[in-house]
Amino acid sequence: MTYYVRAFATNSNGTSYGAQLTATTASDGQFRAYVFVEINDAGPRTALANYMASKAISGSIFRGLLLGSPSQVQSIFDAQMNAYLSYPGWGSSEPDIFSAPISTTSGGFDKYGIYIDAYKFQTIEVPGNTIPVGVYGQFLVLVPISALNGKSYSSIFIGRSAAGVQEVQCKPFADPITSLTINYAGSANIPKGEYKLYFNGQSFRFPPNNSPVYFKGGALMP
């Protein structure tokens, strides 16, 4: 289902409206957060880089997060991330895309026994052995803008057990990339909608390990 959202304010001068935002829920009717994993191994890294290069995005040299950062120019960033999210290699040369629901109310527990907080995505598990021996994985989290009640995450919880996650700051908010949005056209990978990307280089990297890695929505800021 696709939702259209527009903020408004009314005073003695009348009513003014903000930009219209759109978001499409997953097939189960819920907003979901998504975790992508890039594998730092020659084969997958080269395949993703070649795919991104084949898109010939004007002004872009972005070939994946392991090889550099996206543009800080909104139009280029949007084109880069639309191509990146539509990469057909997710689930084959790169790991699957992992996800969990985002509830609009607090209460109850997710399937890992962790309390559900409103607007904080539920626990996402990246299974053990997702990252091959001898390399590391670069993680990024993607969240629909309309799912967070007008707010953004300043941190994400990450850890080796669902109950043992620790708060990690997202990419420093002084970085212009944190204000950019992805107007995603949609694909078989994830639904169309407006998203924000959350990551922080080394803090969102994990070496190979037989145990899973867990993510959960962190602190919200206006």
N, C-alpha and C. Protein backbone atom coordinates (compact mmCIF):
# COMPACT_ATOMS: atom_id res chain seq x y z
N MET A 1 0.84 -1.19 0.00
CA MET A 1 0.00 0.00 0.00
C MET A 1 0.88 1.24 0.00
N THR A 2 0.51 2.25 -0.77
CA THR A 2 1.27 3.50 -0.83
C THR A 2 0.57 4.58 -0.02
N TYR A 3 1.34 5.27 0.84
CA TYR A 3 0.83 6.35 1.66
C TYR A 3 1.40 7.68 1.17
N TYR A 4 0.58 8.73 1.23
CA TYR A 4 1.01 10.07 0.89
C TYR A 4 0.87 10.93 2.13
N VAL A 5 1.96 11.58 2.54
CA VAL A 5 1.99 12.32 3.79
C VAL A 5 2.45 13.75 3.51
N ARG A 6 1.77 14.73 4.11
CA ARG A 6 2.17 16.13 3.97
C ARG A 6 1.93 16.84 5.30
N ALA A 7 2.99 17.48 5.83
CA ALA A 7 2.85 18.25 7.07
C ALA A 7 2.18 19.58 6.76
N PHE A 8 1.46 20.13 7.78
CA PHE A 8 0.85 21.44 7.59
C PHE A 8 0.86 22.21 8.91
N ALA A 9 0.78 23.52 8.80
CA ALA A 9 0.72 24.39 9.97
C ALA A 9 -0.31 25.47 9.71
N THR A 10 -1.12 25.75 10.73
CA THR A 10 -2.17 26.76 10.59
C THR A 10 -2.00 27.84 11.66
N ASN A 11 -2.08 29.09 11.23
CA ASN A 11 -2.07 30.22 12.17
C ASN A 11 -3.00 31.30 11.65
N SER A 12 -2.88 32.50 12.18
CA SER A 12 -3.80 33.58 11.78
C SER A 12 -3.62 33.99 10.33
N ASN A 13 -2.49 33.64 9.75
CA ASN A 13 -2.24 33.98 8.35
C ASN A 13 -2.76 32.93 7.37
N GLY A 14 -3.24 31.82 7.92
CA GLY A 14 -3.75 30.76 7.05
C GLY A 14 -3.02 29.45 7.29
N THR A 15 -3.07 28.57 6.32
CA THR A 15 -2.46 27.25 6.41
C THR A 15 -1.39 27.09 5.35
N SER A 16 -0.23 26.61 5.77
CA SER A 16 0.84 26.32 4.81
C SER A 16 1.14 24.83 4.86
N TYR A 17 1.62 24.29 3.74
CA TYR A 17 1.85 22.86 3.61
C TYR A 17 3.30 22.58 3.24
N GLY A 18 3.82 21.49 3.79
CA GLY A 18 5.16 21.03 3.43
C GLY A 18 5.11 20.16 2.19
N ALA A 19 6.28 19.64 1.83
CA ALA A 19 6.36 18.79 0.64
C ALA A 19 5.64 17.47 0.89
N GLN A 20 5.06 16.93 -0.16
CA GLN A 20 4.39 15.64 -0.05
C GLN A 20 5.43 14.52 -0.05
N LEU A 21 5.31 13.60 0.90
CA LEU A 21 6.18 12.44 0.98
C LEU A 21 5.37 11.20 0.63
N THR A 22 6.01 10.23 0.03
CA THR A 22 5.33 8.97 -0.28
C THR A 22 6.11 7.82 0.32
N ALA A 23 5.40 6.78 0.68
CA ALA A 23 6.05 5.56 1.16
C ALA A 23 5.12 4.39 0.89
N THR A 24 5.71 3.28 0.52
CA THR A 24 4.95 2.08 0.24
C THR A 24 5.32 1.01 1.26
N THR A 25 4.33 0.42 1.90
CA THR A 25 4.61 -0.63 2.88
C THR A 25 4.95 -1.92 2.15
N ALA A 26 5.56 -2.84 2.89
CA ALA A 26 5.87 -4.16 2.35
C ALA A 26 4.59 -4.94 2.15
N SER A 27 4.74 -6.15 1.59
CA SER A 27 3.57 -6.95 1.26
C SER A 27 2.74 -7.32 2.49
N ASP A 28 3.36 -7.28 3.68
CA ASP A 28 2.61 -7.60 4.89
C ASP A 28 1.90 -6.38 5.46
N GLY A 29 1.96 -5.24 4.75
CA GLY A 29 1.25 -4.04 5.16
C GLY A 29 1.95 -3.19 6.19
N GLN A 30 3.20 -3.54 6.54
CA GLN A 30 3.94 -2.80 7.55
C GLN A 30 5.12 -2.06 6.93
N PHE A 31 5.46 -0.92 7.54
CA PHE A 31 6.73 -0.30 7.20
C PHE A 31 7.85 -1.20 7.74
N ARG A 32 8.95 -1.25 7.02
CA ARG A 32 10.05 -2.09 7.44
C ARG A 32 11.38 -1.34 7.30
N ALA A 33 12.32 -1.67 8.16
CA ALA A 33 13.69 -1.22 8.02
C ALA A 33 14.48 -2.33 7.34
N TYR A 34 15.52 -1.96 6.61
CA TYR A 34 16.29 -2.93 5.82
C TYR A 34 17.77 -2.82 6.14
N VAL A 35 18.42 -3.96 6.23
CA VAL A 35 19.88 -4.00 6.40
C VAL A 35 20.50 -4.62 5.15
N PHE A 36 21.43 -3.89 4.55
CA PHE A 36 22.20 -4.36 3.41
C PHE A 36 23.63 -4.65 3.88
N VAL A 37 24.25 -5.66 3.29
CA VAL A 37 25.62 -6.02 3.65
C VAL A 37 26.47 -6.11 2.39
N GLU A 38 27.52 -5.31 2.33
CA GLU A 38 28.51 -5.43 1.26
C GLU A 38 29.67 -6.28 1.78
N ILE A 39 30.07 -7.28 1.00
CA ILE A 39 31.16 -8.16 1.39
C ILE A 39 32.47 -7.64 0.80
N ASN A 40 33.47 -7.46 1.66
CA ASN A 40 34.77 -6.96 1.22
C ASN A 40 35.64 -8.10 0.68
N ASP A 41 35.18 -8.65 -0.44
CA ASP A 41 35.89 -9.72 -1.13
C ASP A 41 35.95 -9.35 -2.60
N ALA A 42 37.01 -9.73 -3.28
CA ALA A 42 37.25 -9.25 -4.64
C ALA A 42 36.09 -9.52 -5.59
N GLY A 43 35.52 -10.74 -5.55
CA GLY A 43 34.45 -11.07 -6.48
C GLY A 43 33.21 -10.21 -6.31
N PRO A 44 32.57 -10.23 -5.13
CA PRO A 44 31.38 -9.41 -4.93
C PRO A 44 31.65 -7.92 -5.09
N ARG A 45 32.79 -7.45 -4.58
CA ARG A 45 33.11 -6.02 -4.65
C ARG A 45 33.24 -5.56 -6.10
N THR A 46 33.90 -6.39 -6.93
CA THR A 46 34.07 -6.04 -8.34
C THR A 46 32.76 -6.10 -9.09
N ALA A 47 31.93 -7.11 -8.78
CA ALA A 47 30.64 -7.24 -9.46
C ALA A 47 29.76 -6.02 -9.20
N LEU A 48 29.70 -5.57 -7.95
CA LEU A 48 28.90 -4.39 -7.61
C LEU A 48 29.48 -3.15 -8.28
N ALA A 49 30.80 -3.00 -8.26
CA ALA A 49 31.45 -1.84 -8.88
C ALA A 49 31.17 -1.78 -10.38
N ASN A 50 31.25 -2.92 -11.05
CA ASN A 50 30.98 -2.96 -12.49
C ASN A 50 29.53 -2.61 -12.79
N TYR A 51 28.62 -3.11 -11.96
CA TYR A 51 27.21 -2.79 -12.14
C TYR A 51 26.97 -1.29 -11.99
N MET A 52 27.52 -0.69 -10.94
CA MET A 52 27.33 0.74 -10.72
C MET A 52 27.93 1.55 -11.87
N ALA A 53 29.09 1.12 -12.35
CA ALA A 53 29.72 1.82 -13.48
C ALA A 53 28.86 1.73 -14.73
N SER A 54 28.18 0.60 -14.91
CA SER A 54 27.35 0.40 -16.11
C SER A 54 26.16 1.34 -16.15
N LYS A 55 25.78 1.92 -15.01
CA LYS A 55 24.64 2.83 -14.95
C LYS A 55 24.99 4.21 -15.49
N ALA A 56 26.29 4.50 -15.61
CA ALA A 56 26.77 5.76 -16.21
C ALA A 56 26.02 6.97 -15.67
N ILE A 57 25.95 7.07 -14.34
CA ILE A 57 25.27 8.20 -13.70
C ILE A 57 26.14 9.44 -13.82
N SER A 58 25.60 10.49 -14.37
CA SER A 58 26.36 11.71 -14.58
C SER A 58 26.91 12.26 -13.27
N GLY A 59 28.20 12.55 -13.24
CA GLY A 59 28.84 13.12 -12.07
C GLY A 59 29.13 12.12 -10.97
N SER A 60 28.97 10.83 -11.24
CA SER A 60 29.12 9.81 -10.20
C SER A 60 30.35 8.94 -10.39
N ILE A 61 31.09 8.74 -9.29
CA ILE A 61 32.15 7.74 -9.28
C ILE A 61 31.88 6.71 -8.17
N PHE A 62 30.69 6.75 -7.61
CA PHE A 62 30.32 5.84 -6.53
C PHE A 62 30.19 4.42 -7.05
N ARG A 63 30.90 3.48 -6.42
CA ARG A 63 30.88 2.08 -6.85
C ARG A 63 30.50 1.13 -5.72
N GLY A 64 30.02 1.69 -4.61
CA GLY A 64 29.69 0.90 -3.43
C GLY A 64 30.36 1.49 -2.21
N LEU A 65 29.81 1.21 -1.03
CA LEU A 65 30.32 1.83 0.19
C LEU A 65 31.72 1.36 0.56
N LEU A 66 32.12 0.21 0.07
CA LEU A 66 33.47 -0.27 0.34
C LEU A 66 34.52 0.47 -0.49
N LEU A 67 34.08 1.17 -1.51
CA LEU A 67 35.02 1.86 -2.40
C LEU A 67 34.86 3.37 -2.33
N GLY A 68 34.02 3.87 -1.47
CA GLY A 68 33.85 5.32 -1.35
C GLY A 68 32.45 5.69 -0.92
N SER A 69 32.24 6.97 -0.70
CA SER A 69 30.94 7.47 -0.24
C SER A 69 30.11 7.98 -1.42
N PRO A 70 28.78 7.95 -1.28
CA PRO A 70 27.93 8.55 -2.32
C PRO A 70 28.14 10.06 -2.40
N SER A 71 27.60 10.65 -3.42
CA SER A 71 27.69 12.10 -3.62
C SER A 71 26.94 12.84 -2.53
N GLN A 72 27.35 14.08 -2.28
CA GLN A 72 26.64 14.95 -1.35
C GLN A 72 25.66 15.87 -2.08
N VAL A 73 25.54 15.69 -3.38
CA VAL A 73 24.58 16.44 -4.19
C VAL A 73 23.30 15.61 -4.28
N GLN A 74 22.17 16.17 -3.85
CA GLN A 74 20.94 15.39 -3.73
C GLN A 74 20.58 14.64 -5.00
N SER A 75 20.60 15.29 -6.16
CA SER A 75 20.17 14.63 -7.40
C SER A 75 21.08 13.47 -7.77
N ILE A 76 22.38 13.64 -7.56
CA ILE A 76 23.33 12.56 -7.89
C ILE A 76 23.20 11.43 -6.86
N PHE A 77 23.12 11.82 -5.59
CA PHE A 77 22.94 10.84 -4.52
C PHE A 77 21.71 9.98 -4.77
N ASP A 78 20.62 10.61 -5.15
CA ASP A 78 19.37 9.89 -5.39
C ASP A 78 19.53 8.89 -6.53
N ALA A 79 20.17 9.32 -7.62
CA ALA A 79 20.38 8.41 -8.75
C ALA A 79 21.31 7.26 -8.36
N GLN A 80 22.36 7.57 -7.61
CA GLN A 80 23.29 6.53 -7.17
C GLN A 80 22.59 5.48 -6.32
N MET A 81 21.80 5.94 -5.35
CA MET A 81 21.18 5.01 -4.43
C MET A 81 20.03 4.24 -5.07
N ASN A 82 19.34 4.84 -6.05
CA ASN A 82 18.32 4.09 -6.79
C ASN A 82 18.97 2.92 -7.52
N ALA A 83 20.12 3.16 -8.13
CA ALA A 83 20.83 2.08 -8.82
C ALA A 83 21.33 1.04 -7.82
N TYR A 84 21.91 1.51 -6.74
CA TYR A 84 22.49 0.63 -5.71
C TYR A 84 21.42 -0.29 -5.11
N LEU A 85 20.28 0.26 -4.74
CA LEU A 85 19.23 -0.53 -4.10
C LEU A 85 18.59 -1.52 -5.07
N SER A 86 18.67 -1.21 -6.37
CA SER A 86 18.08 -2.09 -7.39
C SER A 86 19.06 -3.14 -7.90
N TYR A 87 20.26 -3.16 -7.35
CA TYR A 87 21.29 -4.11 -7.78
C TYR A 87 20.74 -5.54 -7.75
N PRO A 88 20.80 -6.27 -8.86
CA PRO A 88 20.26 -7.64 -8.88
C PRO A 88 21.13 -8.64 -8.13
N GLY A 89 22.30 -8.20 -7.68
CA GLY A 89 23.20 -9.11 -6.97
C GLY A 89 22.90 -9.30 -5.50
N TRP A 90 21.95 -8.50 -4.95
CA TRP A 90 21.58 -8.75 -3.55
C TRP A 90 20.89 -10.11 -3.45
N GLY A 91 21.42 -10.96 -2.60
CA GLY A 91 20.87 -12.30 -2.46
C GLY A 91 21.58 -13.32 -3.32
N SER A 92 22.60 -12.89 -4.07
CA SER A 92 23.38 -13.85 -4.86
C SER A 92 24.87 -13.58 -4.65
N SER A 93 25.45 -12.63 -5.38
CA SER A 93 26.86 -12.32 -5.15
C SER A 93 27.07 -11.59 -3.82
N GLU A 94 26.08 -10.82 -3.40
CA GLU A 94 26.07 -10.20 -2.07
C GLU A 94 25.02 -10.90 -1.22
N PRO A 95 25.08 -10.74 0.12
CA PRO A 95 24.09 -11.39 0.98
C PRO A 95 22.66 -10.91 0.72
N ASP A 96 21.72 -11.64 1.29
CA ASP A 96 20.32 -11.24 1.24
C ASP A 96 20.13 -9.87 1.89
N ILE A 97 18.99 -9.25 1.62
CA ILE A 97 18.57 -8.05 2.32
C ILE A 97 17.73 -8.50 3.51
N PHE A 98 18.09 -8.02 4.70
CA PHE A 98 17.40 -8.43 5.92
C PHE A 98 16.50 -7.29 6.40
N SER A 99 15.36 -7.62 7.02
CA SER A 99 14.42 -6.57 7.40
C SER A 99 13.63 -6.93 8.64
N ALA A 100 12.98 -5.91 9.22
CA ALA A 100 12.08 -6.09 10.36
C ALA A 100 11.06 -4.97 10.36
N PRO A 101 9.91 -5.18 11.00
CA PRO A 101 8.85 -4.16 11.01
C PRO A 101 9.21 -2.95 11.87
N ILE A 102 8.51 -1.83 11.59
CA ILE A 102 8.57 -0.63 12.41
C ILE A 102 7.15 -0.38 12.92
N SER A 103 6.96 -0.46 14.21
CA SER A 103 5.64 -0.27 14.80
C SER A 103 5.40 1.21 15.11
N THR A 104 4.15 1.64 15.01
CA THR A 104 3.79 3.01 15.36
C THR A 104 3.33 3.13 16.81
N THR A 105 3.31 2.02 17.52
CA THR A 105 2.93 2.02 18.94
C THR A 105 3.92 1.19 19.74
N SER A 106 4.06 1.51 21.01
CA SER A 106 4.92 0.74 21.90
C SER A 106 4.11 -0.35 22.59
N GLY A 107 4.79 -1.45 22.89
CA GLY A 107 4.13 -2.53 23.61
C GLY A 107 4.38 -3.88 22.99
N GLY A 108 4.47 -4.90 23.80
CA GLY A 108 4.72 -6.24 23.32
C GLY A 108 6.20 -6.47 23.05
N PHE A 109 6.49 -7.63 22.51
CA PHE A 109 7.87 -8.04 22.29
C PHE A 109 8.03 -8.59 20.88
N ASP A 110 9.19 -8.36 20.29
CA ASP A 110 9.43 -8.91 18.96
C ASP A 110 9.79 -10.38 19.06
N LYS A 111 10.09 -11.01 17.94
CA LYS A 111 10.31 -12.46 17.96
C LYS A 111 11.58 -12.88 18.68
N TYR A 112 12.41 -11.90 19.05
CA TYR A 112 13.63 -12.19 19.82
C TYR A 112 13.44 -11.86 21.30
N GLY A 113 12.21 -11.50 21.68
CA GLY A 113 11.93 -11.20 23.07
C GLY A 113 12.33 -9.80 23.50
N ILE A 114 12.55 -8.90 22.54
CA ILE A 114 12.96 -7.53 22.83
C ILE A 114 11.73 -6.62 22.77
N TYR A 115 11.61 -5.74 23.76
CA TYR A 115 10.46 -4.84 23.85
C TYR A 115 10.34 -3.99 22.59
N ILE A 116 9.10 -3.79 22.11
CA ILE A 116 8.85 -3.01 20.89
C ILE A 116 8.58 -1.55 21.26
N ASP A 117 9.43 -0.66 20.79
CA ASP A 117 9.27 0.77 20.98
C ASP A 117 8.69 1.39 19.70
N ALA A 118 7.77 2.32 19.87
CA ALA A 118 7.19 3.00 18.72
C ALA A 118 8.26 3.68 17.88
N TYR A 119 8.19 3.48 16.58
CA TYR A 119 9.04 4.11 15.58
C TYR A 119 10.50 3.65 15.60
N LYS A 120 10.80 2.69 16.45
CA LYS A 120 12.15 2.12 16.46
C LYS A 120 12.06 0.71 15.88
N PHE A 121 12.74 0.51 14.75
CA PHE A 121 12.55 -0.77 14.07
C PHE A 121 12.92 -1.94 14.99
N GLN A 122 12.17 -3.03 14.82
CA GLN A 122 12.37 -4.21 15.65
C GLN A 122 13.68 -4.90 15.29
N THR A 123 14.06 -5.85 16.09
CA THR A 123 15.35 -6.52 15.94
C THR A 123 15.49 -7.17 14.57
N ILE A 124 16.59 -6.88 13.91
CA ILE A 124 16.94 -7.50 12.63
C ILE A 124 18.14 -8.40 12.87
N GLU A 125 18.03 -9.65 12.49
CA GLU A 125 19.14 -10.60 12.62
C GLU A 125 19.81 -10.82 11.27
N VAL A 126 21.13 -10.65 11.24
CA VAL A 126 21.94 -11.07 10.10
C VAL A 126 22.59 -12.38 10.53
N PRO A 127 22.19 -13.51 9.95
CA PRO A 127 22.62 -14.81 10.45
C PRO A 127 24.14 -15.00 10.45
N GLY A 128 24.58 -15.89 11.34
CA GLY A 128 25.98 -16.26 11.35
C GLY A 128 26.40 -16.84 10.01
N ASN A 129 27.66 -16.69 9.67
CA ASN A 129 28.24 -17.18 8.41
C ASN A 129 27.77 -16.39 7.20
N THR A 130 27.06 -15.26 7.41
CA THR A 130 26.72 -14.39 6.28
C THR A 130 27.98 -13.80 5.67
N ILE A 131 28.95 -13.48 6.53
CA ILE A 131 30.22 -12.90 6.07
C ILE A 131 31.25 -14.01 5.96
N PRO A 132 31.83 -14.23 4.78
CA PRO A 132 32.80 -15.32 4.60
C PRO A 132 34.05 -15.12 5.46
N VAL A 133 34.73 -16.22 5.74
CA VAL A 133 35.98 -16.17 6.49
C VAL A 133 37.02 -15.38 5.70
N GLY A 134 37.76 -14.54 6.39
CA GLY A 134 38.86 -13.82 5.77
C GLY A 134 38.52 -12.44 5.25
N VAL A 135 37.25 -12.04 5.32
CA VAL A 135 36.85 -10.71 4.87
C VAL A 135 35.94 -10.09 5.92
N TYR A 136 35.50 -8.85 5.69
CA TYR A 136 34.54 -8.24 6.60
C TYR A 136 33.34 -7.75 5.81
N GLY A 137 32.27 -7.42 6.52
CA GLY A 137 31.07 -6.90 5.88
C GLY A 137 30.83 -5.46 6.26
N GLN A 138 30.44 -4.64 5.28
CA GLN A 138 30.01 -3.26 5.54
C GLN A 138 28.50 -3.23 5.55
N PHE A 139 27.93 -2.81 6.67
CA PHE A 139 26.48 -2.79 6.83
C PHE A 139 25.94 -1.38 6.64
N LEU A 140 24.73 -1.30 6.11
CA LEU A 140 24.00 -0.04 6.10
C LEU A 140 22.54 -0.34 6.39
N VAL A 141 21.88 0.63 7.00
CA VAL A 141 20.47 0.49 7.37
C VAL A 141 19.67 1.50 6.57
N LEU A 142 18.56 1.06 6.01
CA LEU A 142 17.68 1.90 5.20
C LEU A 142 16.30 1.92 5.85
N VAL A 143 15.75 3.12 6.05
CA VAL A 143 14.48 3.24 6.76
C VAL A 143 13.55 4.20 6.02
N PRO A 144 12.26 3.84 5.83
CA PRO A 144 11.31 4.77 5.20
C PRO A 144 11.13 6.03 6.05
N ILE A 145 11.19 7.18 5.43
CA ILE A 145 11.05 8.44 6.16
C ILE A 145 9.68 8.53 6.83
N SER A 146 8.64 8.12 6.14
CA SER A 146 7.28 8.25 6.67
C SER A 146 7.00 7.34 7.85
N ALA A 147 7.91 6.39 8.13
CA ALA A 147 7.68 5.44 9.22
C ALA A 147 8.12 5.98 10.57
N LEU A 148 8.78 7.16 10.61
CA LEU A 148 9.39 7.64 11.85
C LEU A 148 8.72 8.86 12.44
N ASN A 149 7.49 9.16 12.02
CA ASN A 149 6.72 10.24 12.63
C ASN A 149 7.47 11.57 12.59
N GLY A 150 8.11 11.86 11.46
CA GLY A 150 8.80 13.13 11.28
C GLY A 150 10.16 13.22 11.92
N LYS A 151 10.70 12.11 12.40
CA LYS A 151 12.01 12.12 13.06
C LYS A 151 13.02 11.29 12.28
N SER A 152 14.27 11.28 12.79
CA SER A 152 15.34 10.48 12.20
C SER A 152 16.10 9.80 13.33
N TYR A 153 16.84 8.76 12.99
CA TYR A 153 17.67 8.10 13.99
C TYR A 153 19.01 8.84 14.12
N SER A 154 19.44 9.05 15.36
CA SER A 154 20.79 9.54 15.59
C SER A 154 21.72 8.38 15.95
N SER A 155 21.13 7.23 16.23
CA SER A 155 21.93 6.05 16.58
C SER A 155 21.16 4.79 16.21
N ILE A 156 21.92 3.70 16.11
CA ILE A 156 21.37 2.37 15.87
C ILE A 156 21.99 1.45 16.90
N PHE A 157 21.22 0.49 17.41
CA PHE A 157 21.77 -0.52 18.31
C PHE A 157 22.30 -1.70 17.50
N ILE A 158 23.52 -2.12 17.82
CA ILE A 158 24.18 -3.20 17.09
C ILE A 158 24.87 -4.12 18.09
N GLY A 159 24.85 -5.43 17.84
CA GLY A 159 25.55 -6.34 18.73
C GLY A 159 25.55 -7.76 18.24
N ARG A 160 26.21 -8.61 19.00
CA ARG A 160 26.34 -10.02 18.64
C ARG A 160 25.23 -10.89 19.22
N SER A 161 24.36 -10.29 20.06
CA SER A 161 23.18 -11.00 20.56
C SER A 161 22.02 -10.03 20.60
N ALA A 162 20.81 -10.53 20.47
CA ALA A 162 19.64 -9.66 20.43
C ALA A 162 19.49 -8.86 21.72
N ALA A 163 19.84 -9.48 22.84
CA ALA A 163 19.71 -8.80 24.13
C ALA A 163 20.96 -8.02 24.51
N GLY A 164 22.01 -8.12 23.73
CA GLY A 164 23.28 -7.49 24.08
C GLY A 164 23.73 -6.42 23.10
N VAL A 165 22.76 -5.78 22.42
CA VAL A 165 23.14 -4.74 21.46
C VAL A 165 23.60 -3.48 22.19
N GLN A 166 24.48 -2.73 21.55
CA GLN A 166 24.99 -1.48 22.11
C GLN A 166 24.73 -0.34 21.14
N GLU A 167 24.54 0.84 21.68
CA GLU A 167 24.20 2.01 20.86
C GLU A 167 25.42 2.50 20.09
N VAL A 168 25.25 2.68 18.79
CA VAL A 168 26.31 3.17 17.91
C VAL A 168 25.79 4.39 17.17
N GLN A 169 26.54 5.47 17.20
CA GLN A 169 26.12 6.67 16.51
C GLN A 169 26.13 6.45 14.99
N CYS A 170 25.14 7.00 14.32
CA CYS A 170 25.12 6.95 12.86
C CYS A 170 26.15 7.94 12.33
N LYS A 171 26.32 7.97 11.03
CA LYS A 171 27.31 8.85 10.43
C LYS A 171 27.15 10.25 11.00
N PRO A 172 28.25 10.91 11.40
CA PRO A 172 28.15 12.21 12.08
C PRO A 172 27.19 13.17 11.40
N PHE A 173 26.36 13.81 12.18
CA PHE A 173 25.31 14.63 11.61
C PHE A 173 25.84 15.94 11.05
N ALA A 174 27.14 16.18 11.16
CA ALA A 174 27.74 17.32 10.48
C ALA A 174 27.97 17.01 9.01
N ASP A 175 27.90 15.73 8.67
CA ASP A 175 28.13 15.31 7.28
C ASP A 175 26.89 15.61 6.45
N PRO A 176 27.04 16.31 5.33
CA PRO A 176 25.86 16.66 4.51
C PRO A 176 25.02 15.48 4.06
N ILE A 177 25.62 14.28 3.96
CA ILE A 177 24.89 13.13 3.44
C ILE A 177 23.70 12.77 4.34
N THR A 178 23.78 13.15 5.62
CA THR A 178 22.72 12.79 6.55
C THR A 178 21.42 13.54 6.28
N SER A 179 21.48 14.61 5.52
CA SER A 179 20.26 15.37 5.21
C SER A 179 19.65 14.96 3.87
N LEU A 180 20.31 14.04 3.16
CA LEU A 180 19.83 13.65 1.83
C LEU A 180 18.79 12.53 1.93
N THR A 181 17.92 12.48 0.95
CA THR A 181 16.88 11.45 0.91
C THR A 181 16.98 10.65 -0.37
N ILE A 182 16.43 9.45 -0.30
CA ILE A 182 16.38 8.57 -1.47
C ILE A 182 14.93 8.45 -1.90
N ASN A 183 14.63 8.94 -3.07
CA ASN A 183 13.28 8.82 -3.65
C ASN A 183 13.27 7.57 -4.52
N TYR A 184 13.09 6.44 -3.85
CA TYR A 184 13.31 5.17 -4.53
C TYR A 184 12.13 4.77 -5.40
N ALA A 185 12.43 4.39 -6.63
CA ALA A 185 11.39 4.03 -7.59
C ALA A 185 10.81 2.64 -7.34
N GLY A 186 11.51 1.84 -6.53
CA GLY A 186 11.01 0.50 -6.22
C GLY A 186 11.57 -0.56 -7.14
N SER A 187 11.67 -1.78 -6.61
CA SER A 187 12.14 -2.93 -7.40
C SER A 187 11.71 -4.19 -6.66
N ALA A 188 12.16 -5.31 -7.16
CA ALA A 188 11.86 -6.57 -6.47
C ALA A 188 12.58 -6.65 -5.14
N ASN A 189 13.58 -5.78 -4.94
CA ASN A 189 14.36 -5.82 -3.70
C ASN A 189 13.60 -5.23 -2.51
N ILE A 190 13.13 -3.99 -2.64
CA ILE A 190 12.36 -3.32 -1.58
C ILE A 190 11.30 -2.44 -2.23
N PRO A 191 10.25 -2.05 -1.48
CA PRO A 191 9.18 -1.23 -2.07
C PRO A 191 9.64 0.18 -2.40
N LYS A 192 8.91 0.84 -3.29
CA LYS A 192 9.17 2.23 -3.60
C LYS A 192 8.85 3.10 -2.38
N GLY A 193 9.43 4.29 -2.36
CA GLY A 193 9.16 5.21 -1.26
C GLY A 193 10.35 6.12 -1.02
N GLU A 194 10.22 6.98 -0.02
CA GLU A 194 11.29 7.90 0.35
C GLU A 194 12.00 7.34 1.58
N TYR A 195 13.31 7.20 1.47
CA TYR A 195 14.10 6.55 2.50
C TYR A 195 15.26 7.45 2.94
N LYS A 196 15.79 7.12 4.11
CA LYS A 196 17.02 7.71 4.59
C LYS A 196 18.00 6.58 4.90
N LEU A 197 19.27 6.84 4.60
CA LEU A 197 20.33 5.85 4.78
C LEU A 197 21.07 6.14 6.08
N TYR A 198 21.35 5.07 6.84
CA TYR A 198 22.09 5.21 8.10
C TYR A 198 23.29 4.27 8.09
N PHE A 199 24.47 4.84 8.31
CA PHE A 199 25.66 4.01 8.45
C PHE A 199 26.76 4.87 9.07
N ASN A 200 27.87 4.22 9.42
CA ASN A 200 29.00 4.97 9.97
C ASN A 200 30.28 4.17 9.81
N GLY A 201 30.70 3.99 8.57
CA GLY A 201 32.01 3.39 8.27
C GLY A 201 32.40 2.24 9.16
N GLN A 202 33.50 2.44 9.91
CA GLN A 202 34.07 1.37 10.73
C GLN A 202 33.09 0.84 11.77
N SER A 203 32.25 1.70 12.30
CA SER A 203 31.31 1.27 13.34
C SER A 203 30.24 0.33 12.80
N PHE A 204 30.04 0.33 11.49
CA PHE A 204 29.05 -0.54 10.87
C PHE A 204 29.73 -1.65 10.07
N ARG A 205 30.93 -2.03 10.49
CA ARG A 205 31.64 -3.14 9.86
C ARG A 205 31.82 -4.26 10.86
N PHE A 206 31.72 -5.50 10.37
CA PHE A 206 31.94 -6.65 11.23
C PHE A 206 32.82 -7.67 10.51
N PRO A 207 33.78 -8.26 11.24
CA PRO A 207 34.58 -9.34 10.66
C PRO A 207 33.77 -10.63 10.65
N PRO A 208 34.25 -11.66 9.96
CA PRO A 208 33.52 -12.93 9.93
C PRO A 208 33.43 -13.53 11.32
N ASN A 209 32.33 -14.17 11.59
CA ASN A 209 32.11 -14.78 12.90
C ASN A 209 30.93 -15.72 12.75
N ASN A 210 30.97 -16.83 13.47
CA ASN A 210 29.87 -17.79 13.36
C ASN A 210 28.60 -17.30 14.03
N SER A 211 28.70 -16.27 14.87
CA SER A 211 27.50 -15.76 15.54
C SER A 211 26.82 -14.70 14.70
N PRO A 212 25.52 -14.52 14.85
CA PRO A 212 24.79 -13.50 14.08
C PRO A 212 25.16 -12.09 14.53
N VAL A 213 24.72 -11.12 13.74
CA VAL A 213 24.80 -9.70 14.10
C VAL A 213 23.37 -9.18 14.17
N TYR A 214 23.07 -8.38 15.20
CA TYR A 214 21.72 -7.88 15.41
C TYR A 214 21.68 -6.36 15.35
N PHE A 215 20.60 -5.84 14.79
CA PHE A 215 20.38 -4.40 14.70
C PHE A 215 19.00 -4.07 15.27
N LYS A 216 18.89 -2.88 15.88
CA LYS A 216 17.60 -2.40 16.37
C LYS A 216 17.59 -0.88 16.32
N GLY A 217 16.40 -0.30 16.06
CA GLY A 217 16.28 1.13 16.00
C GLY A 217 16.75 1.81 17.27
N GLY A 218 17.50 2.91 17.13
CA GLY A 218 18.06 3.60 18.28
C GLY A 218 17.34 4.89 18.62
N ALA A 219 18.12 5.88 19.05
CA ALA A 219 17.55 7.15 19.50
C ALA A 219 16.98 7.93 18.32
N LEU A 220 15.84 8.57 18.57
CA LEU A 220 15.18 9.39 17.56
C LEU A 220 15.44 10.86 17.84
N MET A 221 15.60 11.65 16.78
CA MET A 221 15.81 13.08 16.92
C MET A 221 14.90 13.80 15.91
N PRO A 222 14.49 15.05 16.19
CA PRO A 222 13.61 15.79 15.27
C PRO A 222 14.25 15.97 13.91
